[in-house]
Amino acid sequence: LPALLIGNRFTVDCDISRCFPSIYTHALDWAVLGKEVAK
């Protein structure tokens, strides 16, 4: 954190909406191979 603060004046907080319930199981294959190759 101390190093990340240097040179910055703002923070952005974001949250993934319903993260685990929204994960598409096919996206696991996409994450490993790349979406086009997996498809």
PDB file of all heavy atoms in Angstrom:
ATOM      1  N   LEU A   1       0.792  -1.225   0.000  1.00  0.00           N
ATOM      2  CA  LEU A   1       0.000   0.000   0.000  1.00  0.00           C
ATOM      3  C   LEU A   1       0.832   1.285   0.000  1.00  0.00           C
ATOM      4  O   LEU A   1       0.569   2.178  -0.812  1.00  0.00           O
ATOM      5  CB  LEU A   1      -0.962  -0.016   1.193  1.00  0.00           C
ATOM      6  CG  LEU A   1      -1.917   1.169   1.293  1.00  0.00           C
ATOM      7  CD1 LEU A   1      -2.754   1.292   0.027  1.00  0.00           C
ATOM      8  CD2 LEU A   1      -2.826   1.030   2.511  1.00  0.00           C
ATOM      9  N   PRO A   2       1.827   1.445   0.879  1.00  0.00           N
ATOM     10  CA  PRO A   2       2.570   2.722   0.866  1.00  0.00           C
ATOM     11  C   PRO A   2       3.157   3.065  -0.504  1.00  0.00           C
ATOM     12  O   PRO A   2       3.105   4.216  -0.937  1.00  0.00           O
ATOM     13  CB  PRO A   2       3.665   2.492   1.916  1.00  0.00           C
ATOM     14  CG  PRO A   2       3.078   1.477   2.839  1.00  0.00           C
ATOM     15  CD  PRO A   2       2.295   0.560   1.958  1.00  0.00           C
ATOM     16  N   ALA A   3       3.686   2.050  -1.186  1.00  0.00           N
ATOM     17  CA  ALA A   3       4.279   2.308  -2.497  1.00  0.00           C
ATOM     18  C   ALA A   3       3.211   2.664  -3.531  1.00  0.00           C
ATOM     19  O   ALA A   3       3.440   3.489  -4.429  1.00  0.00           O
ATOM     20  CB  ALA A   3       5.066   1.083  -2.964  1.00  0.00           C
ATOM     21  N   LEU A   4       2.016   2.061  -3.410  1.00  0.00           N
ATOM     22  CA  LEU A   4       0.951   2.348  -4.363  1.00  0.00           C
ATOM     23  C   LEU A   4       0.404   3.760  -4.201  1.00  0.00           C
ATOM     24  O   LEU A   4      -0.113   4.358  -5.150  1.00  0.00           O
ATOM     25  CB  LEU A   4      -0.194   1.339  -4.196  1.00  0.00           C
ATOM     26  CG  LEU A   4       0.103  -0.109  -4.598  1.00  0.00           C
ATOM     27  CD1 LEU A   4      -1.083  -0.994  -4.280  1.00  0.00           C
ATOM     28  CD2 LEU A   4       0.452  -0.197  -6.077  1.00  0.00           C
ATOM     29  N   LEU A   5       0.521   4.312  -3.005  1.00  0.00           N
ATOM     30  CA  LEU A   5      -0.014   5.647  -2.754  1.00  0.00           C
ATOM     31  C   LEU A   5       0.812   6.735  -3.428  1.00  0.00           C
ATOM     32  O   LEU A   5       0.276   7.778  -3.807  1.00  0.00           O
ATOM     33  CB  LEU A   5      -0.065   5.913  -1.247  1.00  0.00           C
ATOM     34  CG  LEU A   5      -1.034   5.039  -0.430  1.00  0.00           C
ATOM     35  CD1 LEU A   5      -0.874   5.349   1.055  1.00  0.00           C
ATOM     36  CD2 LEU A   5      -2.468   5.256  -0.870  1.00  0.00           C
ATOM     37  N   ILE A   6       2.109   6.494  -3.590  1.00  0.00           N
ATOM     38  CA  ILE A   6       3.008   7.528  -4.100  1.00  0.00           C
ATOM     39  C   ILE A   6       2.614   7.920  -5.529  1.00  0.00           C
ATOM     40  O   ILE A   6       2.505   7.074  -6.418  1.00  0.00           O
ATOM     41  CB  ILE A   6       4.473   7.047  -4.066  1.00  0.00           C
ATOM     42  CG1 ILE A   6       4.891   6.766  -2.620  1.00  0.00           C
ATOM     43  CG2 ILE A   6       5.399   8.077  -4.716  1.00  0.00           C
ATOM     44  CD1 ILE A   6       6.262   6.140  -2.503  1.00  0.00           C
ATOM     45  N   GLY A   7       2.393   9.207  -5.737  1.00  0.00           N
ATOM     46  CA  GLY A   7       2.058   9.718  -7.069  1.00  0.00           C
ATOM     47  C   GLY A   7       0.597   9.594  -7.430  1.00  0.00           C
ATOM     48  O   GLY A   7       0.217   9.889  -8.572  1.00  0.00           O
ATOM     49  N   ASN A   8      -0.245   9.181  -6.497  1.00  0.00           N
ATOM     50  CA  ASN A   8      -1.673   9.032  -6.780  1.00  0.00           C
ATOM     51  C   ASN A   8      -2.505   9.837  -5.795  1.00  0.00           C
ATOM     52  O   ASN A   8      -2.131  10.000  -4.630  1.00  0.00           O
ATOM     53  CB  ASN A   8      -2.082   7.554  -6.712  1.00  0.00           C
ATOM     54  CG  ASN A   8      -1.460   6.749  -7.839  1.00  0.00           C
ATOM     55  OD1 ASN A   8      -1.482   7.164  -8.991  1.00  0.00           O
ATOM     56  ND2 ASN A   8      -0.889   5.601  -7.498  1.00  0.00           N
ATOM     57  N   ARG A   9      -3.670  10.316  -6.242  1.00  0.00           N
ATOM     58  CA  ARG A   9      -4.521  11.158  -5.397  1.00  0.00           C
ATOM     59  C   ARG A   9      -5.931  10.611  -5.218  1.00  0.00           C
ATOM     60  O   ARG A   9      -6.703  11.156  -4.432  1.00  0.00           O
ATOM     61  CB  ARG A   9      -4.608  12.565  -6.010  1.00  0.00           C
ATOM     62  CG  ARG A   9      -3.286  13.332  -6.024  1.00  0.00           C
ATOM     63  CD  ARG A   9      -3.460  14.684  -6.708  1.00  0.00           C
ATOM     64  NE  ARG A   9      -3.737  14.528  -8.132  1.00  0.00           N
ATOM     65  CZ  ARG A   9      -4.187  15.512  -8.916  1.00  0.00           C
ATOM     66  NH1 ARG A   9      -4.428  16.705  -8.397  1.00  0.00           N
ATOM     67  NH2 ARG A   9      -4.406  15.295 -10.197  1.00  0.00           N
ATOM     68  N   PHE A  10      -6.270   9.523  -5.942  1.00  0.00           N
ATOM     69  CA  PHE A  10      -7.630   8.993  -5.878  1.00  0.00           C
ATOM     70  C   PHE A  10      -7.607   7.470  -5.746  1.00  0.00           C
ATOM     71  O   PHE A  10      -6.644   6.811  -6.187  1.00  0.00           O
ATOM     72  CB  PHE A  10      -8.432   9.363  -7.139  1.00  0.00           C
ATOM     73  CG  PHE A  10      -8.661  10.827  -7.315  1.00  0.00           C
ATOM     74  CD1 PHE A  10      -7.711  11.633  -7.943  1.00  0.00           C
ATOM     75  CD2 PHE A  10      -9.830  11.425  -6.841  1.00  0.00           C
ATOM     76  CE1 PHE A  10      -7.922  12.995  -8.104  1.00  0.00           C
ATOM     77  CE2 PHE A  10     -10.041  12.782  -6.996  1.00  0.00           C
ATOM     78  CZ  PHE A  10      -9.088  13.575  -7.625  1.00  0.00           C
ATOM     79  N   THR A  11      -8.653   6.948  -5.151  1.00  0.00           N
ATOM     80  CA  THR A  11      -8.854   5.495  -5.131  1.00  0.00           C
ATOM     81  C   THR A  11     -10.165   5.172  -5.840  1.00  0.00           C
ATOM     82  O   THR A  11     -11.115   5.955  -5.811  1.00  0.00           O
ATOM     83  CB  THR A  11      -8.922   4.938  -3.696  1.00  0.00           C
ATOM     84  OG1 THR A  11     -10.041   5.512  -3.026  1.00  0.00           O
ATOM     85  CG2 THR A  11      -7.646   5.230  -2.944  1.00  0.00           C
ATOM     86  N   VAL A  12     -10.183   4.006  -6.469  1.00  0.00           N
ATOM     87  CA  VAL A  12     -11.385   3.501  -7.129  1.00  0.00           C
ATOM     88  C   VAL A  12     -11.732   2.160  -6.499  1.00  0.00           C
ATOM     89  O   VAL A  12     -10.901   1.250  -6.489  1.00  0.00           O
ATOM     90  CB  VAL A  12     -11.175   3.300  -8.641  1.00  0.00           C
ATOM     91  CG1 VAL A  12     -12.508   3.017  -9.321  1.00  0.00           C
ATOM     92  CG2 VAL A  12     -10.482   4.482  -9.268  1.00  0.00           C
ATOM     93  N   ASP A  13     -12.933   2.024  -5.967  1.00  0.00           N
ATOM     94  CA  ASP A  13     -13.400   0.765  -5.385  1.00  0.00           C
ATOM     95  C   ASP A  13     -14.475   0.170  -6.273  1.00  0.00           C
ATOM     96  O   ASP A  13     -15.480   0.836  -6.579  1.00  0.00           O
ATOM     97  CB  ASP A  13     -13.951   1.003  -3.981  1.00  0.00           C
ATOM     98  CG  ASP A  13     -12.858   1.355  -2.987  1.00  0.00           C
ATOM     99  OD1 ASP A  13     -12.045   0.465  -2.686  1.00  0.00           O
ATOM    100  OD2 ASP A  13     -12.802   2.515  -2.540  1.00  0.00           O
ATOM    101  N   CYS A  14     -14.264  -1.087  -6.686  1.00  0.00           N
ATOM    102  CA  CYS A  14     -15.225  -1.804  -7.531  1.00  0.00           C
ATOM    103  C   CYS A  14     -15.417  -3.214  -6.991  1.00  0.00           C
ATOM    104  O   CYS A  14     -14.524  -3.773  -6.348  1.00  0.00           O
ATOM    105  CB  CYS A  14     -14.745  -1.884  -8.979  1.00  0.00           C
ATOM    106  SG  CYS A  14     -14.573  -0.287  -9.799  1.00  0.00           S
ATOM    107  N   ASP A  15     -16.576  -3.763  -7.289  1.00  0.00           N
ATOM    108  CA  ASP A  15     -16.935  -5.083  -6.786  1.00  0.00           C
ATOM    109  C   ASP A  15     -17.578  -5.867  -7.924  1.00  0.00           C
ATOM    110  O   ASP A  15     -18.410  -5.330  -8.658  1.00  0.00           O
ATOM    111  CB  ASP A  15     -17.907  -4.923  -5.605  1.00  0.00           C
ATOM    112  CG  ASP A  15     -18.423  -6.253  -5.097  1.00  0.00           C
ATOM    113  OD1 ASP A  15     -17.711  -6.904  -4.328  1.00  0.00           O
ATOM    114  OD2 ASP A  15     -19.536  -6.637  -5.491  1.00  0.00           O
ATOM    115  N   ILE A  16     -17.203  -7.140  -8.080  1.00  0.00           N
ATOM    116  CA  ILE A  16     -17.834  -7.979  -9.099  1.00  0.00           C
ATOM    117  C   ILE A  16     -19.212  -8.386  -8.601  1.00  0.00           C
ATOM    118  O   ILE A  16     -19.367  -8.882  -7.487  1.00  0.00           O
ATOM    119  CB  ILE A  16     -16.992  -9.235  -9.394  1.00  0.00           C
ATOM    120  CG1 ILE A  16     -15.599  -8.835  -9.889  1.00  0.00           C
ATOM    121  CG2 ILE A  16     -17.678 -10.107 -10.438  1.00  0.00           C
ATOM    122  CD1 ILE A  16     -14.674 -10.018 -10.118  1.00  0.00           C
ATOM    123  N   SER A  17     -20.208  -8.184  -9.420  1.00  0.00           N
ATOM    124  CA  SER A  17     -21.579  -8.509  -9.035  1.00  0.00           C
ATOM    125  C   SER A  17     -21.778 -10.019  -8.989  1.00  0.00           C
ATOM    126  O   SER A  17     -21.579 -10.711  -9.989  1.00  0.00           O
ATOM    127  CB  SER A  17     -22.552  -7.882 -10.039  1.00  0.00           C
ATOM    128  OG  SER A  17     -23.879  -8.202  -9.719  1.00  0.00           O
ATOM    129  N   ARG A  18     -22.135 -10.543  -7.799  1.00  0.00           N
ATOM    130  CA  ARG A  18     -22.411 -11.970  -7.596  1.00  0.00           C
ATOM    131  C   ARG A  18     -21.341 -12.814  -8.274  1.00  0.00           C
ATOM    132  O   ARG A  18     -21.620 -13.645  -9.151  1.00  0.00           O
ATOM    133  CB  ARG A  18     -23.802 -12.337  -8.116  1.00  0.00           C
ATOM    134  CG  ARG A  18     -24.931 -11.544  -7.475  1.00  0.00           C
ATOM    135  CD  ARG A  18     -26.311 -11.995  -7.945  1.00  0.00           C
ATOM    136  NE  ARG A  18     -26.657 -13.283  -7.379  1.00  0.00           N
ATOM    137  CZ  ARG A  18     -26.742 -14.416  -8.060  1.00  0.00           C
ATOM    138  NH1 ARG A  18     -26.454 -14.424  -9.364  1.00  0.00           N
ATOM    139  NH2 ARG A  18     -27.074 -15.548  -7.476  1.00  0.00           N
ATOM    140  N   CYS A  19     -20.122 -12.655  -7.820  1.00  0.00           N
ATOM    141  CA  CYS A  19     -18.970 -13.217  -8.523  1.00  0.00           C
ATOM    142  C   CYS A  19     -19.084 -14.727  -8.769  1.00  0.00           C
ATOM    143  O   CYS A  19     -19.179 -15.176  -9.918  1.00  0.00           O
ATOM    144  CB  CYS A  19     -17.693 -12.900  -7.752  1.00  0.00           C
ATOM    145  SG  CYS A  19     -16.192 -13.505  -8.542  1.00  0.00           S
ATOM    146  N   PHE A  20     -19.065 -15.540  -7.723  1.00  0.00           N
ATOM    147  CA  PHE A  20     -19.066 -16.991  -7.923  1.00  0.00           C
ATOM    148  C   PHE A  20     -20.330 -17.482  -8.636  1.00  0.00           C
ATOM    149  O   PHE A  20     -20.236 -18.304  -9.553  1.00  0.00           O
ATOM    150  CB  PHE A  20     -18.896 -17.706  -6.580  1.00  0.00           C
ATOM    151  CG  PHE A  20     -17.472 -17.744  -6.086  1.00  0.00           C
ATOM    152  CD1 PHE A  20     -16.546 -16.827  -6.530  1.00  0.00           C
ATOM    153  CD2 PHE A  20     -17.066 -18.696  -5.177  1.00  0.00           C
ATOM    154  CE1 PHE A  20     -15.229 -16.849  -6.080  1.00  0.00           C
ATOM    155  CE2 PHE A  20     -15.752 -18.739  -4.711  1.00  0.00           C
ATOM    156  CZ  PHE A  20     -14.834 -17.812  -5.172  1.00  0.00           C
ATOM    157  N   PRO A  21     -21.533 -17.015  -8.230  1.00  0.00           N
ATOM    158  CA  PRO A  21     -22.736 -17.493  -8.924  1.00  0.00           C
ATOM    159  C   PRO A  21     -22.788 -17.081 -10.397  1.00  0.00           C
ATOM    160  O   PRO A  21     -23.570 -17.657 -11.163  1.00  0.00           O
ATOM    161  CB  PRO A  21     -23.885 -16.842  -8.132  1.00  0.00           C
ATOM    162  CG  PRO A  21     -23.312 -16.573  -6.775  1.00  0.00           C
ATOM    163  CD  PRO A  21     -21.885 -16.207  -7.039  1.00  0.00           C
ATOM    164  N   SER A  22     -21.984 -16.083 -10.791  1.00  0.00           N
ATOM    165  CA  SER A  22     -22.030 -15.595 -12.184  1.00  0.00           C
ATOM    166  C   SER A  22     -20.949 -16.205 -13.061  1.00  0.00           C
ATOM    167  O   SER A  22     -20.965 -15.996 -14.284  1.00  0.00           O
ATOM    168  CB  SER A  22     -21.891 -14.066 -12.206  1.00  0.00           C
ATOM    169  OG  SER A  22     -22.955 -13.446 -11.517  1.00  0.00           O
ATOM    170  N   ILE A  23     -20.000 -16.921 -12.475  1.00  0.00           N
ATOM    171  CA  ILE A  23     -18.903 -17.470 -13.277  1.00  0.00           C
ATOM    172  C   ILE A  23     -19.434 -18.563 -14.206  1.00  0.00           C
ATOM    173  O   ILE A  23     -20.096 -19.508 -13.776  1.00  0.00           O
ATOM    174  CB  ILE A  23     -17.777 -18.007 -12.371  1.00  0.00           C
ATOM    175  CG1 ILE A  23     -17.003 -16.833 -11.761  1.00  0.00           C
ATOM    176  CG2 ILE A  23     -16.824 -18.909 -13.159  1.00  0.00           C
ATOM    177  CD1 ILE A  23     -15.871 -17.228 -10.842  1.00  0.00           C
ATOM    178  N   TYR A  24     -19.141 -18.414 -15.461  1.00  0.00           N
ATOM    179  CA  TYR A  24     -19.556 -19.342 -16.515  1.00  0.00           C
ATOM    180  C   TYR A  24     -18.513 -20.451 -16.565  1.00  0.00           C
ATOM    181  O   TYR A  24     -17.317 -20.195 -16.745  1.00  0.00           O
ATOM    182  CB  TYR A  24     -19.605 -18.557 -17.825  1.00  0.00           C
ATOM    183  CG  TYR A  24     -20.238 -19.225 -19.001  1.00  0.00           C
ATOM    184  CD1 TYR A  24     -21.417 -19.955 -18.873  1.00  0.00           C
ATOM    185  CD2 TYR A  24     -19.685 -19.077 -20.272  1.00  0.00           C
ATOM    186  CE1 TYR A  24     -22.012 -20.538 -19.980  1.00  0.00           C
ATOM    187  CE2 TYR A  24     -20.271 -19.643 -21.381  1.00  0.00           C
ATOM    188  CZ  TYR A  24     -21.433 -20.381 -21.230  1.00  0.00           C
ATOM    189  OH  TYR A  24     -22.016 -20.950 -22.334  1.00  0.00           O
ATOM    190  N   THR A  25     -18.932 -21.706 -16.390  1.00  0.00           N
ATOM    191  CA  THR A  25     -17.943 -22.784 -16.307  1.00  0.00           C
ATOM    192  C   THR A  25     -17.112 -22.899 -17.580  1.00  0.00           C
ATOM    193  O   THR A  25     -15.937 -23.261 -17.536  1.00  0.00           O
ATOM    194  CB  THR A  25     -18.628 -24.137 -16.011  1.00  0.00           C
ATOM    195  OG1 THR A  25     -19.556 -24.443 -17.057  1.00  0.00           O
ATOM    196  CG2 THR A  25     -19.360 -24.088 -14.681  1.00  0.00           C
ATOM    197  N   HIS A  26     -17.724 -22.576 -18.737  1.00  0.00           N
ATOM    198  CA  HIS A  26     -16.941 -22.606 -19.986  1.00  0.00           C
ATOM    199  C   HIS A  26     -15.817 -21.571 -19.950  1.00  0.00           C
ATOM    200  O   HIS A  26     -14.814 -21.716 -20.654  1.00  0.00           O
ATOM    201  CB  HIS A  26     -17.847 -22.320 -21.183  1.00  0.00           C
ATOM    202  CG  HIS A  26     -18.900 -23.366 -21.412  1.00  0.00           C
ATOM    203  ND1 HIS A  26     -18.815 -24.646 -20.899  1.00  0.00           N
ATOM    204  CD2 HIS A  26     -20.070 -23.323 -22.108  1.00  0.00           C
ATOM    205  CE1 HIS A  26     -19.880 -25.342 -21.274  1.00  0.00           C
ATOM    206  NE2 HIS A  26     -20.662 -24.557 -22.009  1.00  0.00           N
ATOM    207  N   ALA A  27     -15.992 -20.526 -19.122  1.00  0.00           N
ATOM    208  CA  ALA A  27     -14.954 -19.493 -19.038  1.00  0.00           C
ATOM    209  C   ALA A  27     -13.665 -20.036 -18.431  1.00  0.00           C
ATOM    210  O   ALA A  27     -12.599 -19.444 -18.623  1.00  0.00           O
ATOM    211  CB  ALA A  27     -15.462 -18.302 -18.228  1.00  0.00           C
ATOM    212  N   LEU A  28     -13.733 -21.151 -17.702  1.00  0.00           N
ATOM    213  CA  LEU A  28     -12.506 -21.785 -17.201  1.00  0.00           C
ATOM    214  C   LEU A  28     -11.645 -22.240 -18.367  1.00  0.00           C
ATOM    215  O   LEU A  28     -10.422 -22.058 -18.372  1.00  0.00           O
ATOM    216  CB  LEU A  28     -12.860 -22.972 -16.295  1.00  0.00           C
ATOM    217  CG  LEU A  28     -13.621 -22.634 -15.009  1.00  0.00           C
ATOM    218  CD1 LEU A  28     -14.152 -23.909 -14.352  1.00  0.00           C
ATOM    219  CD2 LEU A  28     -12.721 -21.888 -14.034  1.00  0.00           C
ATOM    220  N   ASP A  29     -12.296 -22.833 -19.358  1.00  0.00           N
ATOM    221  CA  ASP A  29     -11.597 -23.261 -20.565  1.00  0.00           C
ATOM    222  C   ASP A  29     -11.044 -22.050 -21.315  1.00  0.00           C
ATOM    223  O   ASP A  29      -9.916 -22.065 -21.824  1.00  0.00           O
ATOM    224  CB  ASP A  29     -12.581 -24.040 -21.445  1.00  0.00           C
ATOM    225  CG  ASP A  29     -11.868 -24.975 -22.416  1.00  0.00           C
ATOM    226  OD1 ASP A  29     -10.677 -25.250 -22.206  1.00  0.00           O
ATOM    227  OD2 ASP A  29     -12.510 -25.438 -23.370  1.00  0.00           O
ATOM    228  N   TRP A  30     -11.842 -20.962 -21.361  1.00  0.00           N
ATOM    229  CA  TRP A  30     -11.376 -19.742 -22.022  1.00  0.00           C
ATOM    230  C   TRP A  30     -10.132 -19.181 -21.329  1.00  0.00           C
ATOM    231  O   TRP A  30      -9.202 -18.713 -21.982  1.00  0.00           O
ATOM    232  CB  TRP A  30     -12.461 -18.671 -22.006  1.00  0.00           C
ATOM    233  CG  TRP A  30     -13.762 -19.056 -22.619  1.00  0.00           C
ATOM    234  CD1 TRP A  30     -14.019 -20.157 -23.404  1.00  0.00           C
ATOM    235  CD2 TRP A  30     -15.002 -18.351 -22.495  1.00  0.00           C
ATOM    236  NE1 TRP A  30     -15.334 -20.183 -23.767  1.00  0.00           N
ATOM    237  CE2 TRP A  30     -15.970 -19.095 -23.236  1.00  0.00           C
ATOM    238  CE3 TRP A  30     -15.390 -17.186 -21.851  1.00  0.00           C
ATOM    239  CZ2 TRP A  30     -17.295 -18.684 -23.321  1.00  0.00           C
ATOM    240  CZ3 TRP A  30     -16.707 -16.769 -21.949  1.00  0.00           C
ATOM    241  CH2 TRP A  30     -17.662 -17.512 -22.665  1.00  0.00           C
ATOM    242  N   ALA A  31     -10.146 -19.202 -20.005  1.00  0.00           N
ATOM    243  CA  ALA A  31      -9.032 -18.626 -19.238  1.00  0.00           C
ATOM    244  C   ALA A  31      -7.744 -19.408 -19.456  1.00  0.00           C
ATOM    245  O   ALA A  31      -6.645 -18.846 -19.393  1.00  0.00           O
ATOM    246  CB  ALA A  31      -9.385 -18.588 -17.754  1.00  0.00           C
ATOM    247  N   VAL A  32      -7.861 -20.701 -19.729  1.00  0.00           N
ATOM    248  CA  VAL A  32      -6.675 -21.538 -19.924  1.00  0.00           C
ATOM    249  C   VAL A  32      -6.159 -21.445 -21.354  1.00  0.00           C
ATOM    250  O   VAL A  32      -4.968 -21.248 -21.602  1.00  0.00           O
ATOM    251  CB  VAL A  32      -6.992 -23.006 -19.560  1.00  0.00           C
ATOM    252  CG1 VAL A  32      -5.814 -23.916 -19.931  1.00  0.00           C
ATOM    253  CG2 VAL A  32      -7.305 -23.129 -18.076  1.00  0.00           C
ATOM    254  N   LEU A  33      -7.059 -21.558 -22.312  1.00  0.00           N
ATOM    255  CA  LEU A  33      -6.650 -21.660 -23.721  1.00  0.00           C
ATOM    256  C   LEU A  33      -6.771 -20.354 -24.495  1.00  0.00           C
ATOM    257  O   LEU A  33      -6.149 -20.197 -25.534  1.00  0.00           O
ATOM    258  CB  LEU A  33      -7.519 -22.717 -24.437  1.00  0.00           C
ATOM    259  CG  LEU A  33      -7.459 -24.141 -23.900  1.00  0.00           C
ATOM    260  CD1 LEU A  33      -8.461 -25.013 -24.639  1.00  0.00           C
ATOM    261  CD2 LEU A  33      -6.057 -24.710 -24.034  1.00  0.00           C
ATOM    262  N   GLY A  34      -7.574 -19.431 -23.980  1.00  0.00           N
ATOM    263  CA  GLY A  34      -7.978 -18.276 -24.779  1.00  0.00           C
ATOM    264  C   GLY A  34      -9.349 -18.574 -25.363  1.00  0.00           C
ATOM    265  O   GLY A  34      -9.652 -19.716 -25.747  1.00  0.00           O
ATOM    266  N   LYS A  35     -10.187 -17.557 -25.448  1.00  0.00           N
ATOM    267  CA  LYS A  35     -11.592 -17.769 -25.798  1.00  0.00           C
ATOM    268  C   LYS A  35     -11.764 -18.370 -27.189  1.00  0.00           C
ATOM    269  O   LYS A  35     -12.535 -19.315 -27.383  1.00  0.00           O
ATOM    270  CB  LYS A  35     -12.344 -16.445 -25.695  1.00  0.00           C
ATOM    271  CG  LYS A  35     -13.847 -16.582 -25.699  1.00  0.00           C
ATOM    272  CD  LYS A  35     -14.501 -15.253 -25.330  1.00  0.00           C
ATOM    273  CE  LYS A  35     -16.013 -15.388 -25.199  1.00  0.00           C
ATOM    274  NZ  LYS A  35     -16.650 -14.118 -24.784  1.00  0.00           N
ATOM    275  N   GLU A  36     -11.041 -17.858 -28.169  1.00  0.00           N
ATOM    276  CA  GLU A  36     -11.221 -18.336 -29.543  1.00  0.00           C
ATOM    277  C   GLU A  36     -10.780 -19.784 -29.691  1.00  0.00           C
ATOM    278  O   GLU A  36     -11.470 -20.602 -30.315  1.00  0.00           O
ATOM    279  CB  GLU A  36     -10.455 -17.432 -30.515  1.00  0.00           C
ATOM    280  CG  GLU A  36     -10.993 -16.009 -30.582  1.00  0.00           C
ATOM    281  CD  GLU A  36     -12.465 -15.973 -30.942  1.00  0.00           C
ATOM    282  OE1 GLU A  36     -12.882 -16.776 -31.818  1.00  0.00           O
ATOM    283  OE2 GLU A  36     -13.213 -15.168 -30.351  1.00  0.00           O
ATOM    284  N   VAL A  37      -9.634 -20.123 -29.102  1.00  0.00           N
ATOM    285  CA  VAL A  37      -9.137 -21.507 -29.197  1.00  0.00           C
ATOM    286  C   VAL A  37     -10.090 -22.458 -28.492  1.00  0.00           C
ATOM    287  O   VAL A  37     -10.411 -23.547 -28.995  1.00  0.00           O
ATOM    288  CB  VAL A  37      -7.724 -21.615 -28.578  1.00  0.00           C
ATOM    289  CG1 VAL A  37      -7.266 -23.075 -28.565  1.00  0.00           C
ATOM    290  CG2 VAL A  37      -6.745 -20.754 -29.358  1.00  0.00           C
ATOM    291  N   ALA A  38     -10.565 -22.051 -27.313  1.00  0.00           N
ATOM    292  CA  ALA A  38     -11.471 -22.904 -26.548  1.00  0.00           C
ATOM    293  C   ALA A  38     -12.774 -23.151 -27.299  1.00  0.00           C
ATOM    294  O   ALA A  38     -13.304 -24.266 -27.303  1.00  0.00           O
ATOM    295  CB  ALA A  38     -11.753 -22.271 -25.188  1.00  0.00           C
ATOM    296  N   LYS A  39     -13.304 -22.107 -27.979  1.00  0.00           N
ATOM    297  CA  LYS A  39     -14.564 -22.272 -28.689  1.00  0.00           C
ATOM    298  C   LYS A  39     -14.424 -23.187 -29.903  1.00  0.00           C
ATOM    299  O   LYS A  39     -15.392 -23.833 -30.325  1.00  0.00           O
ATOM    300  CB  LYS A  39     -15.103 -20.906 -29.112  1.00  0.00           C
ATOM    301  CG  LYS A  39     -15.706 -20.121 -27.946  1.00  0.00           C
ATOM    302  CD  LYS A  39     -16.563 -18.988 -28.440  1.00  0.00           C
ATOM    303  CE  LYS A  39     -17.372 -18.397 -27.289  1.00  0.00           C
ATOM    304  NZ  LYS A  39     -18.336 -17.380 -27.747  1.00  0.00           N
TER     305      LYS A  39
END
